[in-house]
C-alpha atoms as a PDB file:
ATOM      1  CA  UNK A   1       0.000   0.000   0.000  1.00  0.00           C
ATOM      2  CA  UNK A   2       1.526   3.312  -1.141  1.00  0.00           C
ATOM      3  CA  UNK A   3      -1.526   5.586  -0.860  1.00  0.00           C
ATOM      4  CA  UNK A   4      -4.353   5.508   1.686  1.00  0.00           C
ATOM      5  CA  UNK A   5      -7.548   7.592   1.583  1.00  0.00           C
ATOM      6  CA  UNK A   6      -9.357   7.944   4.932  1.00  0.00           C
ATOM      7  CA  UNK A   7     -10.924  11.387   4.491  1.00  0.00           C
ATOM      8  CA  UNK A   8     -14.396  12.476   5.646  1.00  0.00           C
ATOM      9  CA  UNK A   9     -14.719  10.215   8.657  1.00  0.00           C
ATOM     10  CA  UNK A  10     -14.518  10.826  12.424  1.00  0.00           C
ATOM     11  CA  UNK A  11     -10.966   9.609  12.971  1.00  0.00           C
ATOM     12  CA  UNK A  12      -9.512  11.041  16.178  1.00  0.00           C
ATOM     13  CA  UNK A  13      -6.044   9.479  16.139  1.00  0.00           C
ATOM     14  CA  UNK A  14      -3.499   8.268  13.592  1.00  0.00           C
ATOM     15  CA  UNK A  15      -2.861   4.741  14.778  1.00  0.00           C
ATOM     16  CA  UNK A  16      -2.577   1.088  13.709  1.00  0.00           C
ATOM     17  CA  UNK A  17      -0.709   2.001  10.506  1.00  0.00           C
ATOM     18  CA  UNK A  18       2.723   0.759  11.571  1.00  0.00           C
ATOM     19  CA  UNK A  19       2.602  -2.127   9.109  1.00  0.00           C
ATOM     20  CA  UNK A  20       2.372   0.148   6.067  1.00  0.00           C
ATOM     21  CA  UNK A  21       6.121   0.372   5.484  1.00  0.00           C
ATOM     22  CA  UNK A  22       5.825   1.713   1.930  1.00  0.00           C
ATOM     23  CA  UNK A  23       3.090   4.317   2.516  1.00  0.00           C
ATOM     24  CA  UNK A  24       3.898   7.447   0.488  1.00  0.00           C
ATOM     25  CA  UNK A  25       0.588   9.358   0.606  1.00  0.00           C
ATOM     26  CA  UNK A  26      -1.909   9.596   3.471  1.00  0.00           C
ATOM     27  CA  UNK A  27      -5.179  11.504   3.077  1.00  0.00           C
ATOM     28  CA  UNK A  28      -6.941  12.275   6.369  1.00  0.00           C
ATOM     29  CA  UNK A  29      -8.686  15.547   5.579  1.00  0.00           C
ATOM     30  CA  UNK A  30     -12.001  16.356   7.268  1.00  0.00           C
ATOM     31  CA  UNK A  31     -11.684  14.148  10.325  1.00  0.00           C
ATOM     32  CA  UNK A  32     -11.336  14.903  14.061  1.00  0.00           C
ATOM     33  CA  UNK A  33      -7.566  14.737  14.594  1.00  0.00           C
ATOM     34  CA  UNK A  34      -5.975  16.868  17.311  1.00  0.00           C
ATOM     35  CA  UNK A  35      -2.411  15.570  16.904  1.00  0.00           C
ATOM     36  CA  UNK A  36      -0.401  13.651  14.321  1.00  0.00           C
ATOM     37  CA  UNK A  37       0.231  10.774  16.698  1.00  0.00           C
ATOM     38  CA  UNK A  38       3.346   8.676  17.196  1.00  0.00           C
ATOM     39  CA  UNK A  39       3.306   6.359  14.178  1.00  0.00           C
ATOM     40  CA  UNK A  40       6.602   6.474  12.269  1.00  0.00           C
ATOM     41  CA  UNK A  41       6.327   6.796   8.498  1.00  0.00           C
ATOM     42  CA  UNK A  42       9.664   6.104   6.829  1.00  0.00           C
ATOM     43  CA  UNK A  43       8.861   7.035   3.208  1.00  0.00           C
ATOM     44  CA  UNK A  44       5.789   9.277   3.542  1.00  0.00           C
ATOM     45  CA  UNK A  45       5.825  11.997   0.878  1.00  0.00           C
ATOM     46  CA  UNK A  46       2.346  13.593   1.147  1.00  0.00           C
ATOM     47  CA  UNK A  47       0.141  14.183   4.189  1.00  0.00           C
ATOM     48  CA  UNK A  48      -3.271  15.835   3.931  1.00  0.00           C
ATOM     49  CA  UNK A  49      -4.831  16.728   7.285  1.00  0.00           C
ATOM     50  CA  UNK A  50      -6.899  19.708   6.183  1.00  0.00           C
ATOM     51  CA  UNK A  51     -10.097  20.461   8.058  1.00  0.00           C
ATOM     52  CA  UNK A  52      -9.311  18.684  11.310  1.00  0.00           C
ATOM     53  CA  UNK A  53      -8.880  20.040  14.861  1.00  0.00           C
ATOM     54  CA  UNK A  54      -5.082  19.934  14.926  1.00  0.00           C
ATOM     55  CA  UNK A  55      -3.415  21.861  17.719  1.00  0.00           C
ATOM     56  CA  UNK A  56       0.017  20.248  17.380  1.00  0.00           C
ATOM     57  CA  UNK A  57       2.508  19.388  14.648  1.00  0.00           C
ATOM     58  CA  UNK A  58       4.881  17.552  16.967  1.00  0.00           C
ATOM     59  CA  UNK A  59       4.200  14.300  15.140  1.00  0.00           C
ATOM     60  CA  UNK A  60       6.113  15.589  12.136  1.00  0.00           C
ATOM     61  CA  UNK A  61       9.233  14.242  13.839  1.00  0.00           C
ATOM     62  CA  UNK A  62       8.030  10.792  12.742  1.00  0.00           C
ATOM     63  CA  UNK A  63       7.768  11.867   9.065  1.00  0.00           C
ATOM     64  CA  UNK A  64      11.308  12.906   8.023  1.00  0.00           C
ATOM     65  CA  UNK A  65      10.747  12.280   4.303  1.00  0.00           C
ATOM     66  CA  UNK A  66       7.619  14.446   4.032  1.00  0.00           C
ATOM     67  CA  UNK A  67       7.574  16.768   1.004  1.00  0.00           C
ATOM     68  CA  UNK A  68       3.967  17.990   0.994  1.00  0.00           C
ATOM     69  CA  UNK A  69       2.014  19.089   4.066  1.00  0.00           C
ATOM     70  CA  UNK A  70      -1.629  20.098   3.624  1.00  0.00           C
ATOM     71  CA  UNK A  71      -2.782  21.396   7.025  1.00  0.00           C
ATOM     72  CA  UNK A  72      -5.228  24.199   6.235  1.00  0.00           C
ATOM     73  CA  UNK A  73      -8.281  24.932   8.389  1.00  0.00           C
ATOM     74  CA  UNK A  74      -7.021  23.631  11.723  1.00  0.00           C
ATOM     75  CA  UNK A  75      -6.152  25.265  15.069  1.00  0.00           C
ATOM     76  CA  UNK A  76      -2.397  25.569  14.689  1.00  0.00           C
ATOM     77  CA  UNK A  77      -0.700  28.537  16.335  1.00  0.00           C
ATOM     78  CA  UNK A  78       2.768  30.099  16.196  1.00  0.00           C
ATOM     79  CA  UNK A  79       4.249  27.624  18.685  1.00  0.00           C
ATOM     80  CA  UNK A  80       3.794  24.819  16.145  1.00  0.00           C
ATOM     81  CA  UNK A  81       5.854  26.444  13.402  1.00  0.00           C
ATOM     82  CA  UNK A  82       9.278  25.159  14.583  1.00  0.00           C
ATOM     83  CA  UNK A  83       8.033  21.589  14.181  1.00  0.00           C
ATOM     84  CA  UNK A  84       8.143  22.153  10.403  1.00  0.00           C
ATOM     85  CA  UNK A  85      11.919  21.909  10.675  1.00  0.00           C
ATOM     86  CA  UNK A  86      11.506  18.226  11.478  1.00  0.00           C
ATOM     87  CA  UNK A  87      10.831  17.755   7.753  1.00  0.00           C
ATOM     88  CA  UNK A  88      13.790  19.246   5.857  1.00  0.00           C
ATOM     89  CA  UNK A  89      12.537  18.025   2.463  1.00  0.00           C
ATOM     90  CA  UNK A  90       9.293  20.013   2.485  1.00  0.00           C
ATOM     91  CA  UNK A  91       8.471  21.513  -0.909  1.00  0.00           C
ATOM     92  CA  UNK A  92       4.834  22.453  -0.232  1.00  0.00           C
ATOM     93  CA  UNK A  93       3.416  23.836   3.022  1.00  0.00           C
ATOM     94  CA  UNK A  94      -0.217  24.859   3.477  1.00  0.00           C
ATOM     95  CA  UNK A  95      -1.053  26.164   6.943  1.00  0.00           C
ATOM     96  CA  UNK A  96      -3.644  28.657   5.736  1.00  0.00           C
ATOM     97  CA  UNK A  97      -6.737  29.448   7.822  1.00  0.00           C
ATOM     98  CA  UNK A  98      -5.223  28.524  11.167  1.00  0.00           C
ATOM     99  CA  UNK A  99      -4.495  30.547  14.322  1.00  0.00           C
ATOM    100  CA  UNK A 100      -1.091  31.981  13.420  1.00  0.00           C
ATOM    101  CA  UNK A 101      -0.960  35.394  15.079  1.00  0.00           C
ATOM    102  CA  UNK A 102       2.568  36.491  14.118  1.00  0.00           C
ATOM    103  CA  UNK A 103       1.790  40.041  12.953  1.00  0.00           C
ATOM    104  CA  UNK A 104       5.469  40.962  12.507  1.00  0.00           C
ATOM    105  CA  UNK A 105       6.473  37.943  10.446  1.00  0.00           C
ATOM    106  CA  UNK A 106       9.514  37.382  12.668  1.00  0.00           C
ATOM    107  CA  UNK A 107       8.520  33.912  13.886  1.00  0.00           C
ATOM    108  CA  UNK A 108       7.612  32.736  10.403  1.00  0.00           C
ATOM    109  CA  UNK A 109      10.811  34.121   8.912  1.00  0.00           C
ATOM    110  CA  UNK A 110      12.868  32.481  11.631  1.00  0.00           C
ATOM    111  CA  UNK A 111      11.602  29.079  10.508  1.00  0.00           C
ATOM    112  CA  UNK A 112      10.664  29.148   6.823  1.00  0.00           C
ATOM    113  CA  UNK A 113      13.989  30.250   5.271  1.00  0.00           C
ATOM    114  CA  UNK A 114      15.558  27.139   6.793  1.00  0.00           C
ATOM    115  CA  UNK A 115      13.302  25.039   4.547  1.00  0.00           C
ATOM    116  CA  UNK A 116      15.739  25.052   1.659  1.00  0.00           C
ATOM    117  CA  UNK A 117      13.461  23.123  -0.717  1.00  0.00           C
ATOM    118  CA  UNK A 118      10.293  25.136  -0.082  1.00  0.00           C
ATOM    119  CA  UNK A 119       8.714  26.153  -3.399  1.00  0.00           C
ATOM    120  CA  UNK A 120       5.042  26.675  -2.503  1.00  0.00           C
ATOM    121  CA  UNK A 121       3.649  28.273   0.662  1.00  0.00           C
ATOM    122  CA  UNK A 122       0.104  29.106   1.773  1.00  0.00           C
ATOM    123  CA  UNK A 123      -0.396  31.347   4.817  1.00  0.00           C
ATOM    124  CA  UNK A 124      -3.528  33.294   3.862  1.00  0.00           C
ATOM    125  CA  UNK A 125      -6.473  33.218   6.235  1.00  0.00           C
ATOM    126  CA  UNK A 126      -4.347  33.609   9.377  1.00  0.00           C
ATOM    127  CA  UNK A 127      -5.241  36.738  11.338  1.00  0.00           C
ATOM    128  CA  UNK A 128      -1.642  37.667  12.090  1.00  0.00           C
ATOM    129  CA  UNK A 129      -0.480  37.266   8.505  1.00  0.00           C
ATOM    130  CA  UNK A 130      -3.019  39.846   7.366  1.00  0.00           C
ATOM    131  CA  UNK A 131      -1.236  42.445   9.506  1.00  0.00           C
ATOM    132  CA  UNK A 132       2.369  41.748   8.468  1.00  0.00           C
ATOM    133  CA  UNK A 133       3.744  44.919   6.831  1.00  0.00           C
ATOM    134  CA  UNK A 134       4.661  44.455   3.147  1.00  0.00           C
ATOM    135  CA  UNK A 135       3.848  40.769   3.623  1.00  0.00           C
ATOM    136  CA  UNK A 136       4.247  39.519   0.063  1.00  0.00           C
ATOM    137  CA  UNK A 137       7.344  41.575  -0.738  1.00  0.00           C
ATOM    138  CA  UNK A 138       9.012  40.570   2.511  1.00  0.00           C
ATOM    139  CA  UNK A 139       8.396  36.851   2.148  1.00  0.00           C
ATOM    140  CA  UNK A 140       9.340  36.730  -1.524  1.00  0.00           C
ATOM    141  CA  UNK A 141      12.624  38.438  -0.679  1.00  0.00           C
ATOM    142  CA  UNK A 142      13.369  36.160   2.281  1.00  0.00           C
ATOM    143  CA  UNK A 143      12.375  32.887   0.591  1.00  0.00           C
ATOM    144  CA  UNK A 144      14.520  32.992  -2.522  1.00  0.00           C
ATOM    145  CA  UNK A 145      13.457  29.575  -3.819  1.00  0.00           C
ATOM    146  CA  UNK A 146       9.705  30.270  -3.500  1.00  0.00           C
ATOM    147  CA  UNK A 147       7.650  29.900  -6.689  1.00  0.00           C
ATOM    148  CA  UNK A 148       4.112  30.219  -5.269  1.00  0.00           C
ATOM    149  CA  UNK A 149       2.908  32.316  -2.342  1.00  0.00           C
ATOM    150  CA  UNK A 150      -0.737  31.785  -1.372  1.00  0.00           C
ATOM    151  CA  UNK A 151      -2.740  31.619  -4.616  1.00  0.00           C
ATOM    152  CA  UNK A 152      -0.322  33.494  -6.880  1.00  0.00           C
ATOM    153  CA  UNK A 153       2.906  32.528  -8.638  1.00  0.00           C
ATOM    154  CA  UNK A 154       6.142  34.367  -7.944  1.00  0.00           C
ATOM    155  CA  UNK A 155       7.758  35.547 -11.168  1.00  0.00           C
ATOM    156  CA  UNK A 156      11.306  36.853 -11.488  1.00  0.00           C
ATOM    157  CA  UNK A 157      10.126  40.419 -12.185  1.00  0.00           C
ATOM    158  CA  UNK A 158       8.108  40.488  -8.954  1.00  0.00           C
ATOM    159  CA  UNK A 159      11.058  39.080  -7.034  1.00  0.00           C
ATOM    160  CA  UNK A 160      13.330  41.814  -8.352  1.00  0.00           C
ATOM    161  CA  UNK A 161      10.919  44.643  -7.506  1.00  0.00           C
ATOM    162  CA  UNK A 162      10.198  43.149  -4.076  1.00  0.00           C
ATOM    163  CA  UNK A 163      13.906  42.962  -3.301  1.00  0.00           C
ATOM    164  CA  UNK A 164      14.378  46.547  -4.450  1.00  0.00           C
ATOM    165  CA  UNK A 165      11.551  47.699  -2.192  1.00  0.00           C
ATOM    166  CA  UNK A 166      12.954  45.903   0.842  1.00  0.00           C
ATOM    167  CA  UNK A 167      16.397  47.431   0.236  1.00  0.00           C
ATOM    168  CA  UNK A 168      15.486  50.975  -0.768  1.00  0.00           C
ATOM    169  CA  UNK A 169      11.758  51.528  -0.343  1.00  0.00           C
ATOM    170  CA  UNK A 170       9.255  52.852  -2.873  1.00  0.00           C
ATOM    171  CA  UNK A 171      11.752  54.875  -4.879  1.00  0.00           C
ATOM    172  CA  UNK A 172      14.009  51.860  -5.374  1.00  0.00           C
ATOM    173  CA  UNK A 173      11.024  49.761  -6.415  1.00  0.00           C
ATOM    174  CA  UNK A 174      10.017  52.363  -9.017  1.00  0.00           C
ATOM    175  CA  UNK A 175      13.571  52.492 -10.339  1.00  0.00           C
ATOM    176  CA  UNK A 176      13.652  48.697 -10.659  1.00  0.00           C
ATOM    177  CA  UNK A 177      10.323  48.705 -12.506  1.00  0.00           C
ATOM    178  CA  UNK A 178      11.746  51.254 -14.963  1.00  0.00           C
ATOM    179  CA  UNK A 179      14.854  49.113 -15.339  1.00  0.00           C
ATOM    180  CA  UNK A 180      12.635  46.129 -16.192  1.00  0.00           C
ATOM    181  CA  UNK A 181      10.774  48.193 -18.789  1.00  0.00           C
ATOM    182  CA  UNK A 182      14.080  49.315 -20.309  1.00  0.00           C
ATOM    183  CA  UNK A 183      15.275  45.712 -20.479  1.00  0.00           C
ATOM    184  CA  UNK A 184      12.076  44.655 -22.227  1.00  0.00           C
ATOM    185  CA  UNK A 185      12.375  47.512 -24.719  1.00  0.00           C
ATOM    186  CA  UNK A 186      15.977  46.538 -25.451  1.00  0.00           C
ATOM    187  CA  UNK A 187      15.010  42.896 -25.877  1.00  0.00           C
ATOM    188  CA  UNK A 188      12.238  43.743 -28.366  1.00  0.00           C
ATOM    189  CA  UNK A 189      14.555  46.084 -30.285  1.00  0.00           C
ATOM    190  CA  UNK A 190      17.220  43.375 -30.472  1.00  0.00           C
ATOM    191  CA  UNK A 191      14.683  41.004 -31.976  1.00  0.00           C
ATOM    192  CA  UNK A 192      13.649  43.617 -34.549  1.00  0.00           C
ATOM    193  CA  UNK A 193      17.265  44.328 -35.448  1.00  0.00           C
ATOM    194  CA  UNK A 194      17.947  40.612 -35.897  1.00  0.00           C
ATOM    195  CA  UNK A 195      14.874  40.268 -38.119  1.00  0.00           C
ATOM    196  CA  UNK A 196      15.902  43.296 -40.210  1.00  0.00           C
ATOM    197  CA  UNK A 197      19.437  41.951 -40.621  1.00  0.00           C
ATOM    198  CA  UNK A 198      18.090  38.584 -41.691  1.00  0.00           C
ATOM    199  CA  UNK A 199      15.776  40.178 -44.241  1.00  0.00           C
ATOM    200  CA  UNK A 200      18.617  42.339 -45.612  1.00  0.00           C
ATOM    201  CA  UNK A 201      20.881  39.386 -46.354  1.00  0.00           C
ATOM    202  CA  UNK A 202      20.985  38.453 -50.062  1.00  0.00           C
ATOM    203  CA  UNK A 203      19.078  35.339 -50.998  1.00  0.00           C
ATOM    204  CA  UNK A 204      21.334  32.565 -52.221  1.00  0.00           C
ATOM    205  CA  UNK A 205      20.621  31.488 -55.803  1.00  0.00           C
ATOM    206  CA  UNK A 206      20.836  27.889 -56.865  1.00  0.00           C
ATOM    207  CA  UNK A 207      23.328  27.113 -59.684  1.00  0.00           C
END
């Protein structure tokens, strides 16, 4: 068994799964879990525990190979964030719509940059996150490998302007936006010049 679907039940504990040595995906969304239990999963890649009553992520210490954590709509607070470091391979983290109250972003940015593989992050729906100053710019700048933040992709242009803002404020951001426009103009002109040069070359005639 490599994937197990147990969603939409009234499961209160993760237990009696020790024999599933090859389990890679476990779907437990919409149950009644409060913790992740003490079962060790040696090759688990994906865990979906959305829509439970989770107050603790301590059980992540038993899931060292986890790459995707879906934990939206639970009762997780700031104290649970350091447990994410138990899973150094995480690529996707969704802890949206929880009880994270970090309105400065300091706690989040003490933990998340240490997740060197993190490419997709969802934090929306947490009361504290809504109050973090320059939230998107700050997190994009701090998490250099991030490709999705909440429901929107992170493109290179946005990363450059966000970094400029964090270094030099609004004026630096405006200057970087102008620099991007100049680069695009130069790129288009280079394409036109190449096309014109190609058209101007004499057409070879067959003997």
